[in-house]
Amino acid sequence: MEMDFDKRKFAIRLKEIRKSKGLTQEQICDLTGIEISNYSKIETGKVAPSMSSILRLINLARFVPNEMFDFNHLESEENLDKIIFDIYE
């Protein structure tokens, strides 16, 4: 069974972690060697990160793997968005 990767949730979580560390996108790119244009696309959910990028974030920027893939708190936000959308519809 193949696991679906949610680029949007990963992007939101990545931005949360970066900000919690007090880092800019440029600083993350300096630490990891990831191109700013690529990192920006990952953090906005336009593209999925490569395994190489994920490993660089873990090893060089010291992101914790299980935190990067913990989207549970986003589930309630998603439900709230749906409720709001349904009200306006």
PDB file of N, CA and C in Angstrom:
ATOM      1  N   MET A   1       0.835  -1.170   0.000  1.00  0.00           N
ATOM      2  CA  MET A   1       0.000   0.000   0.000  1.00  0.00           C
ATOM      3  C   MET A   1       0.890   1.247   0.000  1.00  0.00           C
ATOM      4  N   GLU A   2       0.624   2.179  -0.901  1.00  0.00           N
ATOM      5  CA  GLU A   2       1.416   3.389  -1.036  1.00  0.00           C
ATOM      6  C   GLU A   2       0.836   4.492  -0.157  1.00  0.00           C
ATOM      7  N   MET A   3       1.710   5.195   0.548  1.00  0.00           N
ATOM      8  CA  MET A   3       1.271   6.284   1.407  1.00  0.00           C
ATOM      9  C   MET A   3       1.192   7.577   0.595  1.00  0.00           C
ATOM     10  N   ASP A   4       0.090   8.288   0.729  1.00  0.00           N
ATOM     11  CA  ASP A   4      -0.041   9.569   0.063  1.00  0.00           C
ATOM     12  C   ASP A   4       0.699  10.623   0.860  1.00  0.00           C
ATOM     13  N   PHE A   5       1.444  11.456   0.161  1.00  0.00           N
ATOM     14  CA  PHE A   5       2.196  12.517   0.805  1.00  0.00           C
ATOM     15  C   PHE A   5       1.423  13.816   0.624  1.00  0.00           C
ATOM     16  N   ASP A   6       1.104  14.468   1.711  1.00  0.00           N
ATOM     17  CA  ASP A   6       0.345  15.712   1.662  1.00  0.00           C
ATOM     18  C   ASP A   6       1.319  16.890   1.655  1.00  0.00           C
ATOM     19  N   LYS A   7       1.606  17.410   0.459  1.00  0.00           N
ATOM     20  CA  LYS A   7       2.559  18.506   0.309  1.00  0.00           C
ATOM     21  C   LYS A   7       2.127  19.738   1.092  1.00  0.00           C
ATOM     22  N   ARG A   8       0.831  19.997   1.107  1.00  0.00           N
ATOM     23  CA  ARG A   8       0.321  21.195   1.771  1.00  0.00           C
ATOM     24  C   ARG A   8       0.548  21.125   3.281  1.00  0.00           C
ATOM     25  N   LYS A   9       0.230  20.002   3.870  1.00  0.00           N
ATOM     26  CA  LYS A   9       0.436  19.853   5.311  1.00  0.00           C
ATOM     27  C   LYS A   9       1.919  19.865   5.658  1.00  0.00           C
ATOM     28  N   PHE A  10       2.723  19.223   4.832  1.00  0.00           N
ATOM     29  CA  PHE A  10       4.160  19.231   5.079  1.00  0.00           C
ATOM     30  C   PHE A  10       4.690  20.659   5.005  1.00  0.00           C
ATOM     31  N   ALA A  11       4.216  21.423   4.033  1.00  0.00           N
ATOM     32  CA  ALA A  11       4.658  22.808   3.865  1.00  0.00           C
ATOM     33  C   ALA A  11       4.313  23.654   5.088  1.00  0.00           C
ATOM     34  N   ILE A  12       3.102  23.514   5.577  1.00  0.00           N
ATOM     35  CA  ILE A  12       2.680  24.262   6.762  1.00  0.00           C
ATOM     36  C   ILE A  12       3.552  23.886   7.945  1.00  0.00           C
ATOM     37  N   ARG A  13       3.787  22.594   8.113  1.00  0.00           N
ATOM     38  CA  ARG A  13       4.580  22.122   9.253  1.00  0.00           C
ATOM     39  C   ARG A  13       6.025  22.587   9.139  1.00  0.00           C
ATOM     40  N   LEU A  14       6.587  22.551   7.947  1.00  0.00           N
ATOM     41  CA  LEU A  14       7.953  22.989   7.724  1.00  0.00           C
ATOM     42  C   LEU A  14       8.121  24.463   8.110  1.00  0.00           C
ATOM     43  N   LYS A  15       7.168  25.276   7.698  1.00  0.00           N
ATOM     44  CA  LYS A  15       7.215  26.702   8.025  1.00  0.00           C
ATOM     45  C   LYS A  15       7.095  26.914   9.540  1.00  0.00           C
ATOM     46  N   GLU A  16       6.213  26.163  10.175  1.00  0.00           N
ATOM     47  CA  GLU A  16       6.062  26.260  11.632  1.00  0.00           C
ATOM     48  C   GLU A  16       7.375  25.954  12.344  1.00  0.00           C
ATOM     49  N   ILE A  17       8.034  24.887  11.920  1.00  0.00           N
ATOM     50  CA  ILE A  17       9.289  24.488  12.559  1.00  0.00           C
ATOM     51  C   ILE A  17      10.364  25.539  12.318  1.00  0.00           C
ATOM     52  N   ARG A  18      10.475  26.006  11.084  1.00  0.00           N
ATOM     53  CA  ARG A  18      11.485  27.020  10.762  1.00  0.00           C
ATOM     54  C   ARG A  18      11.290  28.259  11.623  1.00  0.00           C
ATOM     55  N   LYS A  19      10.040  28.723  11.709  1.00  0.00           N
ATOM     56  CA  LYS A  19       9.763  29.919  12.497  1.00  0.00           C
ATOM     57  C   LYS A  19      10.011  29.686  13.982  1.00  0.00           C
ATOM     58  N   SER A  20       9.695  28.490  14.477  1.00  0.00           N
ATOM     59  CA  SER A  20       9.918  28.189  15.897  1.00  0.00           C
ATOM     60  C   SER A  20      11.402  28.219  16.241  1.00  0.00           C
ATOM     61  N   LYS A  21      12.253  27.978  15.239  1.00  0.00           N
ATOM     62  CA  LYS A  21      13.694  28.035  15.430  1.00  0.00           C
ATOM     63  C   LYS A  21      14.237  29.446  15.210  1.00  0.00           C
ATOM     64  N   GLY A  22      13.339  30.373  14.823  1.00  0.00           N
ATOM     65  CA  GLY A  22      13.751  31.755  14.594  1.00  0.00           C
ATOM     66  C   GLY A  22      14.611  31.938  13.361  1.00  0.00           C
ATOM     67  N   LEU A  23      14.388  31.099  12.349  1.00  0.00           N
ATOM     68  CA  LEU A  23      15.196  31.133  11.136  1.00  0.00           C
ATOM     69  C   LEU A  23      14.402  31.654   9.945  1.00  0.00           C
ATOM     70  N   THR A  24      15.086  32.320   9.047  1.00  0.00           N
ATOM     71  CA  THR A  24      14.480  32.737   7.782  1.00  0.00           C
ATOM     72  C   THR A  24      14.686  31.631   6.752  1.00  0.00           C
ATOM     73  N   GLN A  25      13.985  31.729   5.637  1.00  0.00           N
ATOM     74  CA  GLN A  25      14.194  30.764   4.559  1.00  0.00           C
ATOM     75  C   GLN A  25      15.647  30.820   4.083  1.00  0.00           C
ATOM     76  N   GLU A  26      16.191  32.023   3.995  1.00  0.00           N
ATOM     77  CA  GLU A  26      17.574  32.187   3.539  1.00  0.00           C
ATOM     78  C   GLU A  26      18.551  31.484   4.484  1.00  0.00           C
ATOM     79  N   GLN A  27      18.327  31.600   5.784  1.00  0.00           N
ATOM     80  CA  GLN A  27      19.203  30.947   6.756  1.00  0.00           C
ATOM     81  C   GLN A  27      19.125  29.425   6.633  1.00  0.00           C
ATOM     82  N   ILE A  28      17.923  28.911   6.436  1.00  0.00           N
ATOM     83  CA  ILE A  28      17.767  27.464   6.238  1.00  0.00           C
ATOM     84  C   ILE A  28      18.545  27.033   5.000  1.00  0.00           C
ATOM     85  N   CYS A  29      18.443  27.798   3.949  1.00  0.00           N
ATOM     86  CA  CYS A  29      19.139  27.454   2.703  1.00  0.00           C
ATOM     87  C   CYS A  29      20.650  27.536   2.873  1.00  0.00           C
ATOM     88  N   ASP A  30      21.126  28.515   3.639  1.00  0.00           N
ATOM     89  CA  ASP A  30      22.557  28.607   3.918  1.00  0.00           C
ATOM     90  C   ASP A  30      23.043  27.383   4.698  1.00  0.00           C
ATOM     91  N   LEU A  31      22.245  26.938   5.656  1.00  0.00           N
ATOM     92  CA  LEU A  31      22.617  25.774   6.466  1.00  0.00           C
ATOM     93  C   LEU A  31      22.617  24.478   5.669  1.00  0.00           C
ATOM     94  N   THR A  32      21.643  24.345   4.781  1.00  0.00           N
ATOM     95  CA  THR A  32      21.418  23.061   4.110  1.00  0.00           C
ATOM     96  C   THR A  32      21.946  22.973   2.688  1.00  0.00           C
ATOM     97  N   GLY A  33      22.183  24.115   2.066  1.00  0.00           N
ATOM     98  CA  GLY A  33      22.609  24.105   0.669  1.00  0.00           C
ATOM     99  C   GLY A  33      21.454  23.912  -0.303  1.00  0.00           C
ATOM    100  N   ILE A  34      20.228  23.957   0.193  1.00  0.00           N
ATOM    101  CA  ILE A  34      19.051  23.853  -0.670  1.00  0.00           C
ATOM    102  C   ILE A  34      18.862  25.211  -1.352  1.00  0.00           C
ATOM    103  N   GLU A  35      18.618  25.204  -2.652  1.00  0.00           N
ATOM    104  CA  GLU A  35      18.379  26.448  -3.392  1.00  0.00           C
ATOM    105  C   GLU A  35      17.152  27.153  -2.825  1.00  0.00           C
ATOM    106  N   ILE A  36      17.235  28.481  -2.678  1.00  0.00           N
ATOM    107  CA  ILE A  36      16.124  29.243  -2.103  1.00  0.00           C
ATOM    108  C   ILE A  36      14.847  29.066  -2.917  1.00  0.00           C
ATOM    109  N   SER A  37      14.964  29.013  -4.232  1.00  0.00           N
ATOM    110  CA  SER A  37      13.758  28.852  -5.065  1.00  0.00           C
ATOM    111  C   SER A  37      13.113  27.491  -4.820  1.00  0.00           C
ATOM    112  N   ASN A  38      13.925  26.461  -4.625  1.00  0.00           N
ATOM    113  CA  ASN A  38      13.385  25.128  -4.343  1.00  0.00           C
ATOM    114  C   ASN A  38      12.767  25.081  -2.954  1.00  0.00           C
ATOM    115  N   TYR A  39      13.483  25.656  -1.967  1.00  0.00           N
ATOM    116  CA  TYR A  39      12.958  25.632  -0.602  1.00  0.00           C
ATOM    117  C   TYR A  39      11.633  26.382  -0.534  1.00  0.00           C
ATOM    118  N   SER A  40      11.561  27.506  -1.185  1.00  0.00           N
ATOM    119  CA  SER A  40      10.337  28.304  -1.189  1.00  0.00           C
ATOM    120  C   SER A  40       9.167  27.506  -1.766  1.00  0.00           C
ATOM    121  N   LYS A  41       9.422  26.766  -2.832  1.00  0.00           N
ATOM    122  CA  LYS A  41       8.372  25.934  -3.434  1.00  0.00           C
ATOM    123  C   LYS A  41       7.934  24.815  -2.505  1.00  0.00           C
ATOM    124  N   ILE A  42       8.882  24.274  -1.736  1.00  0.00           N
ATOM    125  CA  ILE A  42       8.545  23.225  -0.772  1.00  0.00           C
ATOM    126  C   ILE A  42       7.691  23.815   0.342  1.00  0.00           C
ATOM    127  N   GLU A  43       8.112  24.992   0.852  1.00  0.00           N
ATOM    128  CA  GLU A  43       7.422  25.583   1.993  1.00  0.00           C
ATOM    129  C   GLU A  43       6.060  26.165   1.625  1.00  0.00           C
ATOM    130  N   THR A  44       5.812  26.393   0.356  1.00  0.00           N
ATOM    131  CA  THR A  44       4.496  26.857  -0.070  1.00  0.00           C
ATOM    132  C   THR A  44       3.623  25.710  -0.575  1.00  0.00           C
ATOM    133  N   GLY A  45       4.153  24.497  -0.567  1.00  0.00           N
ATOM    134  CA  GLY A  45       3.380  23.331  -0.962  1.00  0.00           C
ATOM    135  C   GLY A  45       3.251  23.135  -2.454  1.00  0.00           C
ATOM    136  N   LYS A  46       4.076  23.837  -3.229  1.00  0.00           N
ATOM    137  CA  LYS A  46       4.011  23.690  -4.684  1.00  0.00           C
ATOM    138  C   LYS A  46       4.689  22.417  -5.166  1.00  0.00           C
ATOM    139  N   VAL A  47       5.716  21.981  -4.429  1.00  0.00           N
ATOM    140  CA  VAL A  47       6.405  20.740  -4.778  1.00  0.00           C
ATOM    141  C   VAL A  47       6.670  19.936  -3.511  1.00  0.00           C
ATOM    142  N   ALA A  48       6.802  18.651  -3.687  1.00  0.00           N
ATOM    143  CA  ALA A  48       7.176  17.776  -2.567  1.00  0.00           C
ATOM    144  C   ALA A  48       8.700  17.809  -2.429  1.00  0.00           C
ATOM    145  N   PRO A  49       9.188  17.737  -1.213  1.00  0.00           N
ATOM    146  CA  PRO A  49      10.642  17.743  -1.034  1.00  0.00           C
ATOM    147  C   PRO A  49      11.254  16.429  -1.493  1.00  0.00           C
ATOM    148  N   SER A  50      12.469  16.510  -1.984  1.00  0.00           N
ATOM    149  CA  SER A  50      13.186  15.284  -2.328  1.00  0.00           C
ATOM    150  C   SER A  50      13.688  14.655  -1.035  1.00  0.00           C
ATOM    151  N   MET A  51      14.042  13.399  -1.097  1.00  0.00           N
ATOM    152  CA  MET A  51      14.602  12.732   0.077  1.00  0.00           C
ATOM    153  C   MET A  51      15.886  13.430   0.492  1.00  0.00           C
ATOM    154  N   SER A  52      16.652  13.883  -0.470  1.00  0.00           N
ATOM    155  CA  SER A  52      17.893  14.600  -0.188  1.00  0.00           C
ATOM    156  C   SER A  52      17.617  15.880   0.612  1.00  0.00           C
ATOM    157  N   SER A  53      16.586  16.615   0.234  1.00  0.00           N
ATOM    158  CA  SER A  53      16.229  17.842   0.946  1.00  0.00           C
ATOM    159  C   SER A  53      15.778  17.535   2.369  1.00  0.00           C
ATOM    160  N   ILE A  54      14.989  16.492   2.523  1.00  0.00           N
ATOM    161  CA  ILE A  54      14.521  16.103   3.861  1.00  0.00           C
ATOM    162  C   ILE A  54      15.718  15.731   4.736  1.00  0.00           C
ATOM    163  N   LEU A  55      16.643  14.961   4.190  1.00  0.00           N
ATOM    164  CA  LEU A  55      17.822  14.561   4.959  1.00  0.00           C
ATOM    165  C   LEU A  55      18.690  15.760   5.325  1.00  0.00           C
ATOM    166  N   ARG A  56      18.805  16.715   4.427  1.00  0.00           N
ATOM    167  CA  ARG A  56      19.572  17.930   4.726  1.00  0.00           C
ATOM    168  C   ARG A  56      18.916  18.727   5.849  1.00  0.00           C
ATOM    169  N   LEU A  57      17.596  18.815   5.827  1.00  0.00           N
ATOM    170  CA  LEU A  57      16.885  19.530   6.892  1.00  0.00           C
ATOM    171  C   LEU A  57      17.092  18.841   8.240  1.00  0.00           C
ATOM    172  N   ILE A  58      17.091  17.524   8.230  1.00  0.00           N
ATOM    173  CA  ILE A  58      17.282  16.760   9.462  1.00  0.00           C
ATOM    174  C   ILE A  58      18.726  16.883   9.954  1.00  0.00           C
ATOM    175  N   ASN A  59      19.668  16.650   9.062  1.00  0.00           N
ATOM    176  CA  ASN A  59      21.076  16.599   9.466  1.00  0.00           C
ATOM    177  C   ASN A  59      21.723  17.965   9.656  1.00  0.00           C
ATOM    178  N   LEU A  60      21.438  18.912   8.789  1.00  0.00           N
ATOM    179  CA  LEU A  60      22.141  20.186   8.825  1.00  0.00           C
ATOM    180  C   LEU A  60      21.376  21.288   9.550  1.00  0.00           C
ATOM    181  N   ALA A  61      20.047  21.275   9.460  1.00  0.00           N
ATOM    182  CA  ALA A  61      19.253  22.297  10.145  1.00  0.00           C
ATOM    183  C   ALA A  61      18.706  21.774  11.469  1.00  0.00           C
ATOM    184  N   ARG A  62      18.991  20.498  11.744  1.00  0.00           N
ATOM    185  CA  ARG A  62      18.597  19.870  13.012  1.00  0.00           C
ATOM    186  C   ARG A  62      17.083  19.831  13.228  1.00  0.00           C
ATOM    187  N   PHE A  63      16.343  19.607  12.144  1.00  0.00           N
ATOM    188  CA  PHE A  63      14.900  19.401  12.266  1.00  0.00           C
ATOM    189  C   PHE A  63      14.693  17.973  12.759  1.00  0.00           C
ATOM    190  N   VAL A  64      13.721  17.776  13.627  1.00  0.00           N
ATOM    191  CA  VAL A  64      13.442  16.453  14.184  1.00  0.00           C
ATOM    192  C   VAL A  64      12.460  15.738  13.247  1.00  0.00           C
ATOM    193  N   PRO A  65      12.839  14.548  12.754  1.00  0.00           N
ATOM    194  CA  PRO A  65      12.005  13.859  11.758  1.00  0.00           C
ATOM    195  C   PRO A  65      10.543  13.688  12.163  1.00  0.00           C
ATOM    196  N   ASN A  66      10.286  13.193  13.373  1.00  0.00           N
ATOM    197  CA  ASN A  66       8.886  12.958  13.722  1.00  0.00           C
ATOM    198  C   ASN A  66       8.100  14.263  13.835  1.00  0.00           C
ATOM    199  N   GLU A  67       8.756  15.375  14.160  1.00  0.00           N
ATOM    200  CA  GLU A  67       8.059  16.667  14.186  1.00  0.00           C
ATOM    201  C   GLU A  67       7.711  17.132  12.774  1.00  0.00           C
ATOM    202  N   MET A  68       8.584  16.830  11.820  1.00  0.00           N
ATOM    203  CA  MET A  68       8.354  17.270  10.443  1.00  0.00           C
ATOM    204  C   MET A  68       7.121  16.614   9.837  1.00  0.00           C
ATOM    205  N   PHE A  69       6.792  15.422  10.318  1.00  0.00           N
ATOM    206  CA  PHE A  69       5.680  14.686   9.739  1.00  0.00           C
ATOM    207  C   PHE A  69       4.492  14.564  10.690  1.00  0.00           C
ATOM    208  N   ASP A  70       4.469  15.411  11.712  1.00  0.00           N
ATOM    209  CA  ASP A  70       3.358  15.420  12.658  1.00  0.00           C
ATOM    210  C   ASP A  70       2.357  16.483  12.228  1.00  0.00           C
ATOM    211  N   PHE A  71       1.301  16.035  11.565  1.00  0.00           N
ATOM    212  CA  PHE A  71       0.289  16.946  11.030  1.00  0.00           C
ATOM    213  C   PHE A  71      -0.999  16.931  11.847  1.00  0.00           C
ATOM    214  N   ASN A  72      -1.034  16.214  12.962  1.00  0.00           N
ATOM    215  CA  ASN A  72      -2.273  16.036  13.718  1.00  0.00           C
ATOM    216  C   ASN A  72      -2.954  17.347  14.074  1.00  0.00           C
ATOM    217  N   HIS A  73      -2.185  18.338  14.493  1.00  0.00           N
ATOM    218  CA  HIS A  73      -2.793  19.609  14.870  1.00  0.00           C
ATOM    219  C   HIS A  73      -3.411  20.325  13.667  1.00  0.00           C
ATOM    220  N   LEU A  74      -2.988  19.974  12.468  1.00  0.00           N
ATOM    221  CA  LEU A  74      -3.537  20.597  11.264  1.00  0.00           C
ATOM    222  C   LEU A  74      -4.896  20.030  10.892  1.00  0.00           C
ATOM    223  N   GLU A  75      -5.197  18.839  11.378  1.00  0.00           N
ATOM    224  CA  GLU A  75      -6.483  18.217  11.067  1.00  0.00           C
ATOM    225  C   GLU A  75      -7.635  19.079  11.557  1.00  0.00           C
ATOM    226  N   SER A  76      -7.528  19.618  12.771  1.00  0.00           N
ATOM    227  CA  SER A  76      -8.607  20.443  13.302  1.00  0.00           C
ATOM    228  C   SER A  76      -8.729  21.743  12.509  1.00  0.00           C
ATOM    229  N   GLU A  77      -7.593  22.301  12.058  1.00  0.00           N
ATOM    230  CA  GLU A  77      -7.638  23.501  11.228  1.00  0.00           C
ATOM    231  C   GLU A  77      -8.350  23.214   9.907  1.00  0.00           C
ATOM    232  N   GLU A  78      -8.072  22.040   9.353  1.00  0.00           N
ATOM    233  CA  GLU A  78      -8.695  21.647   8.092  1.00  0.00           C
ATOM    234  C   GLU A  78     -10.214  21.538   8.275  1.00  0.00           C
ATOM    235  N   ASN A  79     -10.638  20.941   9.384  1.00  0.00           N
ATOM    236  CA  ASN A  79     -12.068  20.816   9.666  1.00  0.00           C
ATOM    237  C   ASN A  79     -12.707  22.187   9.856  1.00  0.00           C
ATOM    238  N   LEU A  80     -12.000  23.086  10.530  1.00  0.00           N
ATOM    239  CA  LEU A  80     -12.505  24.439  10.732  1.00  0.00           C
ATOM    240  C   LEU A  80     -12.661  25.155   9.393  1.00  0.00           C
ATOM    241  N   ASP A  81     -11.667  25.011   8.511  1.00  0.00           N
ATOM    242  CA  ASP A  81     -11.763  25.609   7.178  1.00  0.00           C
ATOM    243  C   ASP A  81     -12.989  25.092   6.432  1.00  0.00           C
ATOM    244  N   LYS A  82     -13.245  23.799   6.539  1.00  0.00           N
ATOM    245  CA  LYS A  82     -14.396  23.209   5.858  1.00  0.00           C
ATOM    246  C   LYS A  82     -15.702  23.767   6.421  1.00  0.00           C
ATOM    247  N   ILE A  83     -15.780  23.890   7.725  1.00  0.00           N
ATOM    248  CA  ILE A  83     -16.991  24.436   8.353  1.00  0.00           C
ATOM    249  C   ILE A  83     -17.229  25.866   7.890  1.00  0.00           C
ATOM    250  N   ILE A  84     -16.172  26.676   7.896  1.00  0.00           N
ATOM    251  CA  ILE A  84     -16.295  28.073   7.450  1.00  0.00           C
ATOM    252  C   ILE A  84     -16.713  28.132   5.994  1.00  0.00           C
ATOM    253  N   PHE A  85     -16.096  27.301   5.160  1.00  0.00           N
ATOM    254  CA  PHE A  85     -16.442  27.263   3.746  1.00  0.00           C
ATOM    255  C   PHE A  85     -17.905  26.880   3.565  1.00  0.00           C
ATOM    256  N   ASP A  86     -18.353  25.872   4.314  1.00  0.00           N
ATOM    257  CA  ASP A  86     -19.743  25.430   4.209  1.00  0.00           C
ATOM    258  C   ASP A  86     -20.705  26.529   4.615  1.00  0.00           C
ATOM    259  N   ILE A  87     -20.355  27.310   5.633  1.00  0.00           N
ATOM    260  CA  ILE A  87     -21.215  28.424   6.073  1.00  0.00           C
ATOM    261  C   ILE A  87     -21.358  29.453   4.965  1.00  0.00           C
ATOM    262  N   TYR A  88     -20.247  29.795   4.327  1.00  0.00           N
ATOM    263  CA  TYR A  88     -20.290  30.817   3.273  1.00  0.00           C
ATOM    264  C   TYR A  88     -20.909  30.321   1.985  1.00  0.00           C
ATOM    265  N   GLU A  89     -20.959  29.014   1.814  1.00  0.00           N
ATOM    266  CA  GLU A  89     -21.563  28.439   0.617  1.00  0.00           C
ATOM    267  C   GLU A  89     -23.036  28.574   0.731  1.00  0.00           C
TER     268      GLU A  89
END
